[in-house]
Amino acid sequence: MALDDSLLDDPTRLAAADGAGLLRAAAMAGAQVRATVGTAAELELSERLDVGRPRSLVIVSRPGVGHTAARLLEALVAPTSPVPVVLSDVVPNWVGALDVVFAHTDDPYDHELALSLERAARYGAGLVLSAPPDGPVASAVAGRGVILAPRVPVPPEFGLARAFTAGLLTTNTLGLSVADVDTLADRLDHEAERCYLGHESFVNPAKSLALRLAERTPLLWGLDAVAVGAAHHAAYALAAHAAVVADVAHYRQALSRPALRRAATDVSGSNTIFADPEDREGESVPVRVVLLAVLTGQAADSGRRRAEEVLPSADVLAPADEIVADDAARAAVLALRCEFAALYLGLAAGTIGGAGRVAPATA
């Protein structure tokens, strides 16, 4: 991947390269949160979902950003939930009137999801669906659940904020979480402003991260379960926008793989000023270790210190070092920064952007 890093600090060229307005779409995360909160209020979600404590909460994971949203919700809610929180690809057969189901999809014709939702509705389960208002998926829930349809038009790969907010509103209403959804939009707006294309790389956290990941294989290792969820979105965004394949794992799981652990620890030696770039000729693409952290507290901070001792050259992305916010907001900010970084990397490499960004193959 030939990277034109000069593009990142030339706002005029950068804006021209982003002919599809993808950076603007990413910056709409805060607007998506506000729109989703407004939709939920208009549809009286809290009243319609006033079912008391459910027997279980089923979070359905579907392809796209729904996969990340489901992982983030499960990681945030499950550890302290008084009821089982089940993560599933479709609604399980055992779901009944005492259970609540949350699902997000950008595919209105996801027939597999539609069939499982229709079955759950028939058995009287509480249903909250974040999806387009038309098609078989919405029809399966219509009149028997709450459909939070999108109001801010963005491409599907930029819909994490909407999916995540819909899930948080659901879990808050059920008393399974206490996420501060009211300030989430402001946090995302602030991050989008920091990642604005007019800010130079040394002050723009997304551009800085993009340059760190350039021509490297990213090893996105979460120090907690919520951070692993954010890492999954980072990997999704890198693949979607920059055609970069990244490894995602919990830090402890990552270190259980000897060969990759050796590659990660060897990075510290190759990053010194005495390293000879010619020594890497013939080797595979070097790795870049990125440690992601969302949770705070004594155990989390202790684990982070140990990880930094084992991998002293690793980059650390920990929103708690920069903002005061709850776990949900820190996770959302982290995911958005990685999304912007993937966009900048893709624009600089020519994997996305306006017509002619990638030279056509010659005959």
Protein backbone atom coordinates (compact mmCIF):
# COMPACT_ATOMS: atom_id res chain seq x y z
CA MET A 1 0.00 0.00 0.00
CA ALA A 2 1.66 3.20 -1.24
CA LEU A 3 0.79 5.89 1.27
CA ASP A 4 0.71 9.58 0.33
CA ASP A 5 1.19 10.92 3.84
CA SER A 6 1.50 14.50 2.56
CA LEU A 7 -2.20 14.33 1.71
CA LEU A 8 -3.16 14.22 5.36
CA ASP A 9 -1.80 17.70 6.09
CA ASP A 10 -3.21 19.29 2.94
CA PRO A 11 -6.88 20.00 3.73
CA THR A 12 -7.68 21.09 0.17
CA ARG A 13 -6.37 17.89 -1.40
CA LEU A 14 -7.84 15.82 1.40
CA ALA A 15 -11.29 17.29 0.87
CA ALA A 16 -11.00 16.74 -2.87
CA ALA A 17 -9.96 13.13 -2.35
CA ASP A 18 -12.96 12.54 -0.08
CA GLY A 19 -15.40 13.07 -2.91
CA ALA A 20 -17.97 10.78 -1.31
CA GLY A 21 -18.05 12.81 1.91
CA LEU A 22 -17.02 9.91 4.12
CA LEU A 23 -15.30 12.10 6.71
CA ARG A 24 -18.51 14.09 7.01
CA ALA A 25 -20.48 10.87 7.45
CA ALA A 26 -18.21 9.80 10.29
CA ALA A 27 -18.63 13.22 11.91
CA MET A 28 -22.40 12.65 12.03
CA ALA A 29 -22.06 10.21 14.95
CA GLY A 30 -23.30 12.76 17.48
CA ALA A 31 -26.24 13.65 15.26
CA GLN A 32 -27.15 9.98 15.05
CA VAL A 33 -27.22 9.75 18.83
CA ARG A 34 -29.53 12.76 19.17
CA ALA A 35 -31.84 11.51 16.42
CA THR A 36 -32.08 8.06 18.01
CA VAL A 37 -32.85 9.53 21.43
CA GLY A 38 -35.54 11.68 19.83
CA THR A 39 -37.07 8.72 18.00
CA ALA A 40 -37.17 6.65 21.17
CA ALA A 41 -38.91 9.46 23.03
CA GLU A 42 -41.51 9.94 20.28
CA LEU A 43 -42.24 6.21 20.20
CA GLU A 44 -42.45 6.15 24.01
CA LEU A 45 -39.86 3.41 24.32
CA SER A 46 -39.71 3.65 28.12
CA GLU A 47 -43.49 3.17 28.43
CA ARG A 48 -43.78 0.42 25.84
CA LEU A 49 -40.85 -1.47 27.36
CA ASP A 50 -42.09 -1.12 30.93
CA VAL A 51 -42.06 -4.88 31.54
CA GLY A 52 -40.23 -4.92 34.85
CA ARG A 53 -37.16 -7.08 35.16
CA PRO A 54 -37.06 -9.47 32.18
CA ARG A 55 -36.07 -13.11 32.44
CA SER A 56 -33.22 -12.39 30.03
CA LEU A 57 -31.94 -9.85 27.52
CA VAL A 58 -31.04 -11.24 24.12
CA ILE A 59 -28.71 -9.07 22.02
CA VAL A 60 -28.75 -10.14 18.39
CA SER A 61 -25.49 -9.73 16.46
CA ARG A 62 -25.86 -9.23 12.71
CA PRO A 63 -23.24 -8.41 10.05
CA GLY A 64 -21.84 -4.91 9.80
CA VAL A 65 -21.80 -2.42 12.65
CA GLY A 66 -24.47 -4.46 14.39
CA HIS A 67 -21.77 -6.96 15.22
CA THR A 68 -19.70 -4.34 17.05
CA ALA A 69 -22.70 -2.76 18.75
CA ALA A 70 -23.80 -6.15 20.07
CA ARG A 71 -20.32 -6.93 21.43
CA LEU A 72 -20.02 -3.53 23.10
CA LEU A 73 -23.45 -3.80 24.71
CA GLU A 74 -22.82 -7.30 26.00
CA ALA A 75 -19.43 -6.32 27.42
CA LEU A 76 -20.87 -3.25 29.16
CA VAL A 77 -24.04 -4.77 30.55
CA ALA A 78 -23.40 -8.46 31.23
CA PRO A 79 -20.87 -8.16 34.11
CA THR A 80 -23.32 -6.32 36.39
CA SER A 81 -26.68 -7.40 34.98
CA PRO A 82 -29.07 -9.11 37.44
CA VAL A 83 -30.45 -11.17 34.54
CA PRO A 84 -28.67 -13.24 31.88
CA VAL A 85 -27.46 -11.30 28.85
CA VAL A 86 -27.28 -13.55 25.80
CA LEU A 87 -25.36 -12.68 22.64
CA SER A 88 -26.69 -14.57 19.63
CA ASP A 89 -26.60 -14.43 15.83
CA VAL A 90 -30.39 -14.86 15.70
CA VAL A 91 -33.17 -14.89 18.27
CA PRO A 92 -32.96 -18.25 20.12
CA ASN A 93 -35.90 -20.65 19.92
CA TRP A 94 -36.46 -20.53 23.67
CA VAL A 95 -37.29 -16.81 23.79
CA GLY A 96 -40.75 -16.09 25.20
CA ALA A 97 -42.96 -13.49 26.82
CA LEU A 98 -40.61 -12.93 29.76
CA ASP A 99 -37.62 -12.04 27.58
CA VAL A 100 -36.55 -8.86 25.77
CA VAL A 101 -34.74 -8.88 22.42
CA PHE A 102 -32.63 -6.07 20.95
CA ALA A 103 -31.37 -6.23 17.38
CA HIS A 104 -29.74 -3.88 14.89
CA THR A 105 -29.44 -4.39 11.16
CA ASP A 106 -28.91 -2.21 8.12
CA ASP A 107 -30.27 -4.91 5.83
CA PRO A 108 -34.08 -4.62 5.60
CA TYR A 109 -34.15 -7.95 3.71
CA ASP A 110 -32.25 -10.01 6.28
CA HIS A 111 -34.65 -12.95 6.06
CA GLU A 112 -32.87 -15.03 8.69
CA LEU A 113 -33.26 -12.24 11.22
CA ALA A 114 -36.84 -11.55 10.12
CA LEU A 115 -37.90 -15.16 10.69
CA SER A 116 -36.42 -15.28 14.19
CA LEU A 117 -37.93 -11.91 15.13
CA GLU A 118 -41.35 -13.01 13.85
CA ARG A 119 -41.15 -16.12 16.02
CA ALA A 120 -40.16 -14.06 19.06
CA ALA A 121 -43.02 -11.63 18.43
CA ARG A 122 -45.48 -14.50 18.12
CA TYR A 123 -44.40 -15.77 21.53
CA GLY A 124 -44.83 -12.33 23.10
CA ALA A 125 -41.21 -11.29 23.68
CA GLY A 126 -40.40 -7.62 24.12
CA LEU A 127 -38.75 -6.40 20.91
CA VAL A 128 -36.61 -3.36 20.15
CA LEU A 129 -35.32 -3.15 16.60
CA SER A 130 -32.90 -0.62 15.15
CA ALA A 131 -33.40 -0.99 11.40
CA PRO A 132 -34.82 0.62 8.25
CA PRO A 133 -38.61 1.03 8.48
CA ASP A 134 -39.42 -1.04 5.39
CA GLY A 135 -38.81 -4.64 4.35
CA PRO A 136 -39.30 -8.08 5.91
CA VAL A 137 -37.29 -7.29 9.07
CA ALA A 138 -39.43 -4.31 10.03
CA SER A 139 -42.61 -6.16 9.03
CA ALA A 140 -41.74 -8.97 11.45
CA VAL A 141 -41.85 -6.52 14.35
CA ALA A 142 -44.46 -4.01 13.18
CA GLY A 143 -47.20 -3.53 15.75
CA ARG A 144 -45.53 -5.94 18.17
CA GLY A 145 -42.37 -4.08 19.08
CA VAL A 146 -40.50 -0.77 18.83
CA ILE A 147 -38.71 0.05 15.57
CA LEU A 148 -36.08 2.78 15.87
CA ALA A 149 -35.61 3.76 12.24
CA PRO A 150 -32.66 5.89 11.06
CA ARG A 151 -33.18 9.62 10.62
CA VAL A 152 -29.64 10.69 9.78
CA PRO A 153 -28.70 9.31 6.36
CA VAL A 154 -25.20 7.82 6.42
CA PRO A 155 -23.74 4.75 4.70
CA PRO A 156 -24.30 1.54 6.72
CA GLU A 157 -20.66 1.29 7.79
CA PHE A 158 -21.05 4.56 9.73
CA GLY A 159 -24.10 3.51 11.74
CA LEU A 160 -22.42 2.32 14.94
CA ALA A 161 -23.50 5.39 16.94
CA ARG A 162 -27.15 4.77 16.09
CA ALA A 163 -27.00 1.05 16.84
CA PHE A 164 -25.10 1.58 20.09
CA THR A 165 -27.44 4.33 21.28
CA ALA A 166 -30.53 2.23 20.54
CA GLY A 167 -29.04 -0.61 22.58
CA LEU A 168 -28.13 1.66 25.49
CA LEU A 169 -31.63 3.15 25.55
CA THR A 170 -33.00 -0.38 25.72
CA THR A 171 -30.74 -1.51 28.57
CA ASN A 172 -31.24 1.74 30.48
CA THR A 173 -35.02 1.35 30.24
CA LEU A 174 -34.79 -2.21 31.54
CA GLY A 175 -32.67 -1.06 34.47
CA LEU A 176 -29.69 -3.08 33.31
CA SER A 177 -27.41 -0.08 32.71
CA VAL A 178 -27.12 3.58 33.67
CA ALA A 179 -25.29 4.94 30.63
CA ASP A 180 -25.39 8.72 30.25
CA VAL A 181 -26.92 8.81 26.78
CA ASP A 182 -27.78 12.51 27.09
CA THR A 183 -24.10 13.55 26.99
CA LEU A 184 -22.94 10.85 24.56
CA ALA A 185 -23.65 13.02 21.51
CA ASP A 186 -21.54 15.87 22.92
CA ARG A 187 -18.62 13.50 23.52
CA LEU A 188 -18.79 12.25 19.95
CA ASP A 189 -19.09 15.79 18.56
CA HIS A 190 -15.98 16.77 20.50
CA GLU A 191 -14.05 13.79 19.14
CA ALA A 192 -15.19 14.56 15.59
CA GLU A 193 -13.95 18.14 16.01
CA ARG A 194 -10.55 16.90 17.22
CA CYS A 195 -10.35 14.60 14.19
CA TYR A 196 -11.38 17.34 11.73
CA LEU A 197 -9.53 17.20 8.40
CA GLY A 198 -8.19 20.75 8.83
CA HIS A 199 -6.20 19.85 11.95
CA GLU A 200 -2.58 18.85 11.32
CA SER A 201 -1.39 15.36 12.09
CA PHE A 202 0.48 16.24 15.27
CA VAL A 203 -2.72 17.52 16.92
CA ASN A 204 -5.26 15.31 15.15
CA PRO A 205 -5.45 11.99 17.06
CA ALA A 206 -6.99 10.09 14.14
CA LYS A 207 -4.38 11.26 11.64
CA SER A 208 -1.61 10.43 14.10
CA LEU A 209 -3.02 6.95 14.56
CA ALA A 210 -3.34 6.49 10.79
CA LEU A 211 0.33 7.35 10.30
CA ARG A 212 1.32 4.94 13.07
CA LEU A 213 -0.63 2.12 11.41
CA ALA A 214 0.56 2.85 7.88
CA GLU A 215 2.45 -0.01 6.26
CA ARG A 216 2.03 -2.11 9.41
CA THR A 217 -0.17 -5.01 10.40
CA PRO A 218 -2.22 -3.67 13.33
CA LEU A 219 -2.45 -5.86 16.43
CA LEU A 220 -5.47 -4.40 18.20
CA TRP A 221 -5.39 -5.89 21.67
CA GLY A 222 -7.99 -4.90 24.23
CA LEU A 223 -7.10 -4.71 27.90
CA ASP A 224 -10.75 -5.25 28.88
CA ALA A 225 -13.83 -6.77 27.28
CA VAL A 226 -15.32 -3.40 26.31
CA ALA A 227 -12.07 -2.37 24.64
CA VAL A 228 -12.08 -5.63 22.68
CA GLY A 229 -15.49 -4.63 21.36
CA ALA A 230 -14.10 -1.28 20.25
CA ALA A 231 -11.15 -3.10 18.68
CA HIS A 232 -13.55 -5.16 16.60
CA HIS A 233 -15.01 -1.95 15.19
CA ALA A 234 -11.52 -0.62 14.50
CA ALA A 235 -10.72 -3.78 12.54
CA TYR A 236 -14.04 -3.50 10.68
CA ALA A 237 -13.32 0.13 9.74
CA LEU A 238 -9.74 -0.62 8.65
CA ALA A 239 -10.98 -3.39 6.37
CA ALA A 240 -13.89 -1.33 5.05
CA HIS A 241 -11.95 1.84 4.27
CA ALA A 242 -8.25 1.01 4.08
CA ALA A 243 -8.25 -2.64 2.96
CA VAL A 244 -6.11 -3.40 6.02
CA VAL A 245 -6.48 -6.67 7.90
CA ALA A 246 -5.98 -6.38 11.66
CA ASP A 247 -5.70 -8.87 14.48
CA VAL A 248 -8.19 -8.42 17.32
CA ALA A 249 -7.93 -10.17 20.68
CA HIS A 250 -8.07 -9.68 24.40
CA TYR A 251 -4.57 -8.92 25.62
CA ARG A 252 -4.27 -12.12 27.64
CA GLN A 253 -5.51 -14.23 24.74
CA ALA A 254 -3.13 -12.42 22.39
CA LEU A 255 -0.09 -13.30 24.48
CA SER A 256 -1.08 -16.98 24.51
CA ARG A 257 -0.03 -17.23 20.84
CA PRO A 258 3.78 -17.65 20.92
CA ALA A 259 4.70 -16.64 17.36
CA LEU A 260 2.63 -13.47 17.31
CA ARG A 261 3.71 -12.58 20.84
CA ARG A 262 7.33 -12.89 19.70
CA ALA A 263 6.65 -10.62 16.73
CA ALA A 264 4.99 -8.09 19.02
CA THR A 265 7.83 -8.03 21.54
CA ASP A 266 10.43 -7.84 18.76
CA VAL A 267 8.91 -4.54 17.61
CA SER A 268 10.62 -2.67 20.44
CA GLY A 269 14.01 -3.47 19.01
CA SER A 270 13.10 -2.48 15.46
CA ASN A 271 11.71 0.89 16.60
CA THR A 272 14.99 2.21 18.01
CA ILE A 273 17.04 4.90 16.27
CA PHE A 274 19.82 2.33 15.77
CA ALA A 275 17.63 -0.06 13.75
CA ASP A 276 18.69 -0.54 10.13
CA PRO A 277 15.68 -0.54 7.77
CA GLU A 278 17.61 -2.74 5.31
CA ASP A 279 17.65 -5.50 7.92
CA ARG A 280 13.91 -5.93 7.30
CA GLU A 281 14.29 -6.76 3.61
CA GLY A 282 12.58 -10.01 2.79
CA GLU A 283 10.58 -10.00 6.03
CA SER A 284 6.82 -9.87 6.24
CA VAL A 285 5.02 -6.59 6.91
CA PRO A 286 6.00 -5.41 10.41
CA VAL A 287 3.36 -5.23 13.12
CA ARG A 288 2.12 -2.32 15.19
CA VAL A 289 0.78 -3.20 18.63
CA VAL A 290 -2.09 -1.02 19.82
CA LEU A 291 -3.38 -1.59 23.34
CA LEU A 292 -6.95 -0.35 23.83
CA ALA A 293 -8.41 0.39 27.26
CA VAL A 294 -11.88 1.56 28.23
CA LEU A 295 -12.51 0.49 31.82
CA THR A 296 -10.82 2.19 34.76
CA GLY A 297 -10.25 1.28 38.38
CA GLN A 298 -7.57 -0.47 40.37
CA ALA A 299 -7.71 -3.80 38.54
CA ALA A 300 -7.87 -2.19 35.10
CA ASP A 301 -5.04 0.24 35.83
CA SER A 302 -2.86 -2.54 37.25
CA GLY A 303 -3.45 -4.68 34.16
CA ARG A 304 -2.55 -1.78 31.90
CA ARG A 305 0.74 -1.19 33.72
CA ARG A 306 1.69 -4.85 33.35
CA ALA A 307 0.83 -4.79 29.63
CA GLU A 308 2.95 -1.69 29.06
CA GLU A 309 5.86 -3.37 30.82
CA VAL A 310 5.59 -6.44 28.58
CA LEU A 311 5.10 -4.36 25.41
CA PRO A 312 6.89 -1.05 26.04
CA SER A 313 6.74 0.00 22.38
CA ALA A 314 2.98 -0.47 22.07
CA ASP A 315 0.69 2.43 21.33
CA VAL A 316 -1.97 2.89 24.02
CA LEU A 317 -5.44 4.22 23.26
CA ALA A 318 -7.18 5.02 26.54
CA PRO A 319 -9.89 7.72 26.34
CA ALA A 320 -9.94 7.97 30.15
CA ASP A 321 -6.57 9.73 29.86
CA GLU A 322 -8.24 12.53 27.87
CA ILE A 323 -11.91 12.84 28.82
CA VAL A 324 -14.17 12.45 31.82
CA ALA A 325 -17.00 10.16 30.76
CA ASP A 326 -18.66 6.86 31.59
CA ASP A 327 -17.63 3.54 30.11
CA ALA A 328 -20.15 3.70 27.27
CA ALA A 329 -19.00 7.14 26.12
CA ARG A 330 -15.33 6.19 26.30
CA ALA A 331 -16.01 3.11 24.18
CA ALA A 332 -17.92 5.16 21.61
CA VAL A 333 -15.20 7.81 21.43
CA LEU A 334 -12.53 5.14 20.99
CA ALA A 335 -14.50 3.47 18.19
CA LEU A 336 -15.05 6.80 16.42
CA ARG A 337 -11.37 7.73 16.57
CA CYS A 338 -10.43 4.40 15.00
CA GLU A 339 -13.08 4.97 12.34
CA PHE A 340 -11.58 8.34 11.44
CA ALA A 341 -8.08 6.83 11.42
CA ALA A 342 -9.21 4.14 8.99
CA LEU A 343 -10.69 6.82 6.72
CA TYR A 344 -7.53 8.89 6.72
CA LEU A 345 -5.46 5.80 6.04
CA GLY A 346 -7.74 4.81 3.18
CA LEU A 347 -7.71 8.28 1.65
CA ALA A 348 -3.93 8.55 1.87
CA ALA A 349 -3.47 5.09 0.35
CA GLY A 350 -6.09 5.58 -2.34
CA THR A 351 -8.24 2.63 -1.30
CA ILE A 352 -11.21 4.99 -0.97
CA GLY A 353 -12.00 8.45 -2.27
CA GLY A 354 -13.01 10.21 -5.41
CA ALA A 355 -12.78 8.96 -8.96
CA GLY A 356 -9.23 8.25 -10.02
CA ARG A 357 -7.86 7.80 -6.52
CA VAL A 358 -6.70 4.30 -7.41
CA ALA A 359 -4.95 4.05 -10.75
CA PRO A 360 -6.66 1.55 -13.09
CA ALA A 361 -4.78 -1.58 -14.03
CA THR A 362 -2.96 -1.38 -17.34
CA ALA A 363 -3.50 -3.93 -20.05
